[in-house]
Amino acid sequence: MATITAEHETTGSIDWQQTDLYRFFALIFAPPTQQCFNFLSQTSARMALCDLWKRLECPGGFPGFEWFTTYDLYESAYIALFDVGVPEPPVPLFESAHDKSHPAQEIALENTYFYEVLGLKSDPSCAVPDYLITQLEFLAALHYTSENASEEATAVALARAENEFLERHLLNWIRIAKTKLDLTGAPGFPALMALLVQFLSNRHAGRAC
């Protein structure tokens, strides 16, 4: 499945039907890259996001999309929103920062149990298990394995695992993060987060059916 390629960087267009949205959002919310900045800076990328808004049937009209004029502004805004703050950033991209009903170690451990379904492990030197990007990449791998399983029983079991992980983890905190992000008034990121929340909600509803 496609994410953002060199071609997308120059044209700003994406074929959403051929795009793995788990990986797309993992790239969008990952630490800043020139590739991501180049793509989102284009007018055609804004049109593509508007199209995605309609495809996902997000509530209300597309709010528009204002992006940063320079890479440095994008990078500094990302750090100020998601990485740095006292006592924590305005919108940490970690489940345990938003779910206070369970100890952080318990949340990390349960994420790890899910990853072991595919024999995956998160690298503690790069990210903790309940990091948004780690969760999205796991779901991308789970979805791909399910779609390409040779036995129907395996595909069904993996689809159930995807649905359960969405319910118990990502949807357990991502809406809270969206509310916090909306309050910051930051350019770009709130619209992207709204798209992510709607996509995850749609996936969960589809799997539940």
C-alpha atoms as a PDB file:
ATOM      1  CA  MET A   1       0.000   0.000   0.000  1.00  0.00           C
ATOM      2  CA  ALA A   2       1.169   3.527  -0.737  1.00  0.00           C
ATOM      3  CA  THR A   3       2.004   6.228   1.777  1.00  0.00           C
ATOM      4  CA  ILE A   4       3.756   9.411   0.675  1.00  0.00           C
ATOM      5  CA  THR A   5       6.224   8.881  -2.137  1.00  0.00           C
ATOM      6  CA  ALA A   6       8.528  11.215  -4.034  1.00  0.00           C
ATOM      7  CA  GLU A   7       5.775  11.540  -6.641  1.00  0.00           C
ATOM      8  CA  HIS A   8       3.283  12.666  -4.004  1.00  0.00           C
ATOM      9  CA  GLU A   9       5.790  15.235  -2.764  1.00  0.00           C
ATOM     10  CA  THR A  10       5.801  16.895  -6.169  1.00  0.00           C
ATOM     11  CA  THR A  11       2.137  16.469  -7.137  1.00  0.00           C
ATOM     12  CA  GLY A  12       0.422  16.568  -3.741  1.00  0.00           C
ATOM     13  CA  SER A  13      -2.041  13.927  -4.946  1.00  0.00           C
ATOM     14  CA  ILE A  14      -2.860  10.630  -3.257  1.00  0.00           C
ATOM     15  CA  ASP A  15      -5.046   7.743  -4.385  1.00  0.00           C
ATOM     16  CA  TRP A  16      -6.824   7.130  -1.083  1.00  0.00           C
ATOM     17  CA  GLN A  17      -8.214   3.770  -2.194  1.00  0.00           C
ATOM     18  CA  GLN A  18      -4.655   2.495  -2.597  1.00  0.00           C
ATOM     19  CA  THR A  19      -3.316   4.146   0.548  1.00  0.00           C
ATOM     20  CA  ASP A  20      -2.776   2.437   3.884  1.00  0.00           C
ATOM     21  CA  LEU A  21      -4.151   5.159   6.142  1.00  0.00           C
ATOM     22  CA  TYR A  22      -2.568   3.643   9.238  1.00  0.00           C
ATOM     23  CA  ARG A  23       0.857   4.213   7.681  1.00  0.00           C
ATOM     24  CA  PHE A  24      -0.155   7.566   6.233  1.00  0.00           C
ATOM     25  CA  PHE A  25      -1.078   8.960   9.655  1.00  0.00           C
ATOM     26  CA  ALA A  26       1.972   7.349  11.241  1.00  0.00           C
ATOM     27  CA  LEU A  27       4.089   9.359   8.803  1.00  0.00           C
ATOM     28  CA  ILE A  28       2.073  12.555   9.285  1.00  0.00           C
ATOM     29  CA  PHE A  29       2.357  12.518  13.088  1.00  0.00           C
ATOM     30  CA  ALA A  30       5.902  11.186  13.267  1.00  0.00           C
ATOM     31  CA  PRO A  31       8.738  13.603  14.140  1.00  0.00           C
ATOM     32  CA  PRO A  32       9.191  16.221  11.400  1.00  0.00           C
ATOM     33  CA  THR A  33      10.675  15.264   8.052  1.00  0.00           C
ATOM     34  CA  GLN A  34      11.320  17.277   4.913  1.00  0.00           C
ATOM     35  CA  GLN A  35       9.248  14.737   2.981  1.00  0.00           C
ATOM     36  CA  CYS A  36       6.152  15.365   5.086  1.00  0.00           C
ATOM     37  CA  PHE A  37       6.660  19.141   5.009  1.00  0.00           C
ATOM     38  CA  ASN A  38       7.018  19.175   1.234  1.00  0.00           C
ATOM     39  CA  PHE A  39       3.821  17.206   0.748  1.00  0.00           C
ATOM     40  CA  LEU A  40       1.637  19.219   3.138  1.00  0.00           C
ATOM     41  CA  SER A  41       2.908  22.563   1.817  1.00  0.00           C
ATOM     42  CA  GLN A  42       1.208  22.063  -1.540  1.00  0.00           C
ATOM     43  CA  THR A  43      -2.215  23.366  -2.489  1.00  0.00           C
ATOM     44  CA  SER A  44      -2.991  20.028  -4.123  1.00  0.00           C
ATOM     45  CA  ALA A  45      -2.290  18.280  -0.801  1.00  0.00           C
ATOM     46  CA  ARG A  46      -4.941  20.443   0.840  1.00  0.00           C
ATOM     47  CA  MET A  47      -7.367  19.404  -1.872  1.00  0.00           C
ATOM     48  CA  ALA A  48      -6.456  15.760  -1.256  1.00  0.00           C
ATOM     49  CA  LEU A  49      -7.136  16.162   2.473  1.00  0.00           C
ATOM     50  CA  CYS A  50     -10.494  17.768   1.672  1.00  0.00           C
ATOM     51  CA  ASP A  51     -11.304  14.741  -0.463  1.00  0.00           C
ATOM     52  CA  LEU A  52     -10.291  12.415   2.383  1.00  0.00           C
ATOM     53  CA  TRP A  53     -12.526  14.395   4.769  1.00  0.00           C
ATOM     54  CA  LYS A  54     -15.493  13.665   2.487  1.00  0.00           C
ATOM     55  CA  ARG A  55     -14.538  10.028   1.960  1.00  0.00           C
ATOM     56  CA  LEU A  56     -14.343   9.430   5.716  1.00  0.00           C
ATOM     57  CA  GLU A  57     -17.658  11.258   6.183  1.00  0.00           C
ATOM     58  CA  CYS A  58     -16.235  13.532   8.856  1.00  0.00           C
ATOM     59  CA  PRO A  59     -18.935  15.576  10.631  1.00  0.00           C
ATOM     60  CA  GLY A  60     -19.352  19.124   9.370  1.00  0.00           C
ATOM     61  CA  GLY A  61     -17.645  20.788   6.460  1.00  0.00           C
ATOM     62  CA  PHE A  62     -13.930  20.588   5.849  1.00  0.00           C
ATOM     63  CA  PRO A  63     -12.370  23.256   8.106  1.00  0.00           C
ATOM     64  CA  GLY A  64      -9.669  24.142   5.626  1.00  0.00           C
ATOM     65  CA  PHE A  65      -6.000  23.448   6.018  1.00  0.00           C
ATOM     66  CA  GLU A  66      -3.349  26.014   6.859  1.00  0.00           C
ATOM     67  CA  TRP A  67       0.223  24.738   6.860  1.00  0.00           C
ATOM     68  CA  PHE A  68       3.533  26.272   7.915  1.00  0.00           C
ATOM     69  CA  THR A  69       5.436  28.538   5.554  1.00  0.00           C
ATOM     70  CA  THR A  70       8.859  27.133   6.475  1.00  0.00           C
ATOM     71  CA  TYR A  71      10.241  23.833   7.669  1.00  0.00           C
ATOM     72  CA  ASP A  72      11.660  25.491  10.803  1.00  0.00           C
ATOM     73  CA  LEU A  73       8.207  26.744  11.829  1.00  0.00           C
ATOM     74  CA  TYR A  74       6.749  23.277  11.273  1.00  0.00           C
ATOM     75  CA  GLU A  75       9.503  21.633  13.293  1.00  0.00           C
ATOM     76  CA  SER A  76       9.326  24.082  16.198  1.00  0.00           C
ATOM     77  CA  ALA A  77       5.502  23.848  16.337  1.00  0.00           C
ATOM     78  CA  TYR A  78       5.661  20.048  16.403  1.00  0.00           C
ATOM     79  CA  ILE A  79       8.148  20.106  19.273  1.00  0.00           C
ATOM     80  CA  ALA A  80       6.118  22.693  21.215  1.00  0.00           C
ATOM     81  CA  LEU A  81       2.878  20.734  20.771  1.00  0.00           C
ATOM     82  CA  PHE A  82       3.953  17.144  21.188  1.00  0.00           C
ATOM     83  CA  ASP A  83       7.429  16.936  22.714  1.00  0.00           C
ATOM     84  CA  VAL A  84       8.184  19.742  25.179  1.00  0.00           C
ATOM     85  CA  GLY A  85       6.277  21.289  28.063  1.00  0.00           C
ATOM     86  CA  VAL A  86       6.004  21.601  31.845  1.00  0.00           C
ATOM     87  CA  PRO A  87       4.971  19.285  33.378  1.00  0.00           C
ATOM     88  CA  GLU A  88       4.268  17.744  29.943  1.00  0.00           C
ATOM     89  CA  PRO A  89       3.649  18.873  26.339  1.00  0.00           C
ATOM     90  CA  PRO A  90       0.201  20.286  25.511  1.00  0.00           C
ATOM     91  CA  VAL A  91      -0.655  17.115  23.565  1.00  0.00           C
ATOM     92  CA  PRO A  92       1.643  14.160  24.325  1.00  0.00           C
ATOM     93  CA  LEU A  93       1.386  11.435  21.703  1.00  0.00           C
ATOM     94  CA  PHE A  94       1.288   8.669  24.301  1.00  0.00           C
ATOM     95  CA  GLU A  95      -1.724   6.728  25.543  1.00  0.00           C
ATOM     96  CA  SER A  96      -0.557   6.785  29.177  1.00  0.00           C
ATOM     97  CA  ALA A  97      -0.474  10.609  29.150  1.00  0.00           C
ATOM     98  CA  HIS A  98      -4.241  10.703  28.570  1.00  0.00           C
ATOM     99  CA  ASP A  99      -5.577   7.522  30.201  1.00  0.00           C
ATOM    100  CA  LYS A 100      -5.182   8.091  33.932  1.00  0.00           C
ATOM    101  CA  SER A 101      -7.397   5.139  34.906  1.00  0.00           C
ATOM    102  CA  HIS A 102      -4.520   2.669  34.549  1.00  0.00           C
ATOM    103  CA  PRO A 103      -0.835   2.824  35.551  1.00  0.00           C
ATOM    104  CA  ALA A 104       1.512   3.697  32.694  1.00  0.00           C
ATOM    105  CA  GLN A 105       3.374   0.400  33.084  1.00  0.00           C
ATOM    106  CA  GLU A 106       0.128  -1.554  32.771  1.00  0.00           C
ATOM    107  CA  ILE A 107      -0.804   0.299  29.582  1.00  0.00           C
ATOM    108  CA  ALA A 108       2.636  -0.305  28.079  1.00  0.00           C
ATOM    109  CA  LEU A 109       2.515  -3.993  29.000  1.00  0.00           C
ATOM    110  CA  GLU A 110      -0.898  -4.558  27.439  1.00  0.00           C
ATOM    111  CA  ASN A 111       0.242  -2.842  24.230  1.00  0.00           C
ATOM    112  CA  THR A 112       3.208  -5.204  24.213  1.00  0.00           C
ATOM    113  CA  TYR A 113       0.926  -8.237  24.561  1.00  0.00           C
ATOM    114  CA  PHE A 114      -0.929  -7.164  21.419  1.00  0.00           C
ATOM    115  CA  TYR A 115       2.316  -6.665  19.487  1.00  0.00           C
ATOM    116  CA  GLU A 116       3.327 -10.208  20.323  1.00  0.00           C
ATOM    117  CA  VAL A 117       0.335 -11.469  18.297  1.00  0.00           C
ATOM    118  CA  LEU A 118       2.504 -10.771  15.228  1.00  0.00           C
ATOM    119  CA  GLY A 119       5.785 -11.472  16.957  1.00  0.00           C
ATOM    120  CA  LEU A 120       6.578  -7.750  17.043  1.00  0.00           C
ATOM    121  CA  LYS A 121       8.448  -5.807  19.694  1.00  0.00           C
ATOM    122  CA  SER A 122       8.803  -2.065  20.137  1.00  0.00           C
ATOM    123  CA  ASP A 123      12.360  -0.795  20.425  1.00  0.00           C
ATOM    124  CA  PRO A 124      12.619   1.012  23.796  1.00  0.00           C
ATOM    125  CA  SER A 125      15.550   3.046  22.467  1.00  0.00           C
ATOM    126  CA  CYS A 126      13.221   4.570  19.844  1.00  0.00           C
ATOM    127  CA  ALA A 127       9.762   4.675  21.407  1.00  0.00           C
ATOM    128  CA  VAL A 128       7.639   3.298  24.220  1.00  0.00           C
ATOM    129  CA  PRO A 129       4.897   0.745  23.399  1.00  0.00           C
ATOM    130  CA  ASP A 130       1.995   3.193  23.830  1.00  0.00           C
ATOM    131  CA  TYR A 131       3.411   5.819  21.435  1.00  0.00           C
ATOM    132  CA  LEU A 132       0.940   6.818  18.705  1.00  0.00           C
ATOM    133  CA  ILE A 133       3.314   5.984  15.860  1.00  0.00           C
ATOM    134  CA  THR A 134       4.096   2.541  17.308  1.00  0.00           C
ATOM    135  CA  GLN A 135       0.382   1.813  17.697  1.00  0.00           C
ATOM    136  CA  LEU A 136      -0.410   2.913  14.140  1.00  0.00           C
ATOM    137  CA  GLU A 137       2.446   0.895  12.658  1.00  0.00           C
ATOM    138  CA  PHE A 138       1.276  -2.175  14.556  1.00  0.00           C
ATOM    139  CA  LEU A 139      -2.254  -1.733  13.205  1.00  0.00           C
ATOM    140  CA  ALA A 140      -0.870  -1.348   9.683  1.00  0.00           C
ATOM    141  CA  ALA A 141       1.027  -4.628  10.037  1.00  0.00           C
ATOM    142  CA  LEU A 142      -2.003  -6.331  11.599  1.00  0.00           C
ATOM    143  CA  HIS A 143      -4.313  -5.156   8.817  1.00  0.00           C
ATOM    144  CA  TYR A 144      -1.885  -6.193   6.085  1.00  0.00           C
ATOM    145  CA  THR A 145      -1.396  -9.656   7.624  1.00  0.00           C
ATOM    146  CA  SER A 146      -5.149 -10.111   8.013  1.00  0.00           C
ATOM    147  CA  GLU A 147      -5.863  -9.087   4.427  1.00  0.00           C
ATOM    148  CA  ASN A 148      -3.214 -11.499   3.109  1.00  0.00           C
ATOM    149  CA  ALA A 149      -3.868 -14.467   5.390  1.00  0.00           C
ATOM    150  CA  SER A 150      -4.152 -17.785   3.568  1.00  0.00           C
ATOM    151  CA  GLU A 151      -6.758 -19.159   6.001  1.00  0.00           C
ATOM    152  CA  GLU A 152     -10.083 -17.496   6.715  1.00  0.00           C
ATOM    153  CA  ALA A 153      -9.926 -18.369  10.426  1.00  0.00           C
ATOM    154  CA  THR A 154      -6.599 -16.545  10.727  1.00  0.00           C
ATOM    155  CA  ALA A 155      -7.955 -13.503   8.906  1.00  0.00           C
ATOM    156  CA  VAL A 156     -10.996 -13.379  11.184  1.00  0.00           C
ATOM    157  CA  ALA A 157      -8.874 -13.700  14.334  1.00  0.00           C
ATOM    158  CA  LEU A 158      -6.550 -10.897  13.215  1.00  0.00           C
ATOM    159  CA  ALA A 159      -9.492  -8.666  12.300  1.00  0.00           C
ATOM    160  CA  ARG A 160     -10.865  -9.206  15.811  1.00  0.00           C
ATOM    161  CA  ALA A 161      -7.481  -8.309  17.257  1.00  0.00           C
ATOM    162  CA  GLU A 162      -7.462  -5.100  15.211  1.00  0.00           C
ATOM    163  CA  ASN A 163     -10.919  -4.168  16.472  1.00  0.00           C
ATOM    164  CA  GLU A 164     -10.042  -4.945  20.082  1.00  0.00           C
ATOM    165  CA  PHE A 165      -6.805  -2.964  19.935  1.00  0.00           C
ATOM    166  CA  LEU A 166      -8.633   0.030  18.496  1.00  0.00           C
ATOM    167  CA  GLU A 167     -11.243  -0.114  21.246  1.00  0.00           C
ATOM    168  CA  ARG A 168      -8.940  -0.796  24.191  1.00  0.00           C
ATOM    169  CA  HIS A 169      -6.127   1.504  23.180  1.00  0.00           C
ATOM    170  CA  LEU A 170      -6.188   4.074  20.359  1.00  0.00           C
ATOM    171  CA  LEU A 171      -9.844   5.039  20.672  1.00  0.00           C
ATOM    172  CA  ASN A 172      -9.389   5.043  24.427  1.00  0.00           C
ATOM    173  CA  TRP A 173      -7.221   8.162  24.250  1.00  0.00           C
ATOM    174  CA  ILE A 174      -7.033   9.723  20.786  1.00  0.00           C
ATOM    175  CA  ARG A 175     -10.290  11.665  21.159  1.00  0.00           C
ATOM    176  CA  ILE A 176      -8.956  13.222  24.370  1.00  0.00           C
ATOM    177  CA  ALA A 177      -5.788  14.211  22.532  1.00  0.00           C
ATOM    178  CA  LYS A 178      -7.892  15.738  19.741  1.00  0.00           C
ATOM    179  CA  THR A 179      -9.797  17.912  22.238  1.00  0.00           C
ATOM    180  CA  LYS A 180      -6.518  19.165  23.718  1.00  0.00           C
ATOM    181  CA  LEU A 181      -5.064  19.820  20.269  1.00  0.00           C
ATOM    182  CA  ASP A 182      -8.137  21.781  19.177  1.00  0.00           C
ATOM    183  CA  LEU A 183      -7.629  24.131  22.127  1.00  0.00           C
ATOM    184  CA  THR A 184      -4.099  25.037  21.015  1.00  0.00           C
ATOM    185  CA  GLY A 185      -5.259  26.799  17.842  1.00  0.00           C
ATOM    186  CA  ALA A 186      -2.212  25.415  16.021  1.00  0.00           C
ATOM    187  CA  PRO A 187      -2.161  25.388  12.200  1.00  0.00           C
ATOM    188  CA  GLY A 188      -2.606  22.135  10.321  1.00  0.00           C
ATOM    189  CA  PHE A 189      -2.397  19.547  13.057  1.00  0.00           C
ATOM    190  CA  PRO A 190      -5.992  19.818  14.418  1.00  0.00           C
ATOM    191  CA  ALA A 191      -7.453  19.053  10.978  1.00  0.00           C
ATOM    192  CA  LEU A 192      -5.067  16.115  10.580  1.00  0.00           C
ATOM    193  CA  MET A 193      -6.024  14.814  14.012  1.00  0.00           C
ATOM    194  CA  ALA A 194      -9.729  15.119  13.169  1.00  0.00           C
ATOM    195  CA  LEU A 195      -9.123  12.989  10.076  1.00  0.00           C
ATOM    196  CA  LEU A 196      -7.227  10.410  12.129  1.00  0.00           C
ATOM    197  CA  VAL A 197      -9.969  10.157  14.773  1.00  0.00           C
ATOM    198  CA  GLN A 198     -12.650   9.708  12.111  1.00  0.00           C
ATOM    199  CA  PHE A 199     -10.605   7.072  10.286  1.00  0.00           C
ATOM    200  CA  LEU A 200     -10.021   5.073  13.470  1.00  0.00           C
ATOM    201  CA  SER A 201     -13.691   5.338  14.434  1.00  0.00           C
ATOM    202  CA  ASN A 202     -14.724   4.121  10.983  1.00  0.00           C
ATOM    203  CA  ARG A 203     -12.299   1.190  11.143  1.00  0.00           C
ATOM    204  CA  HIS A 204     -13.630   0.170  14.539  1.00  0.00           C
ATOM    205  CA  ALA A 205     -17.249   0.430  13.414  1.00  0.00           C
ATOM    206  CA  GLY A 206     -16.503  -1.585  10.261  1.00  0.00           C
ATOM    207  CA  ARG A 207     -14.665  -4.313  12.155  1.00  0.00           C
ATOM    208  CA  ALA A 208     -17.413  -4.482  14.783  1.00  0.00           C
ATOM    209  CA  CYS A 209     -19.939  -5.166  12.031  1.00  0.00           C
END
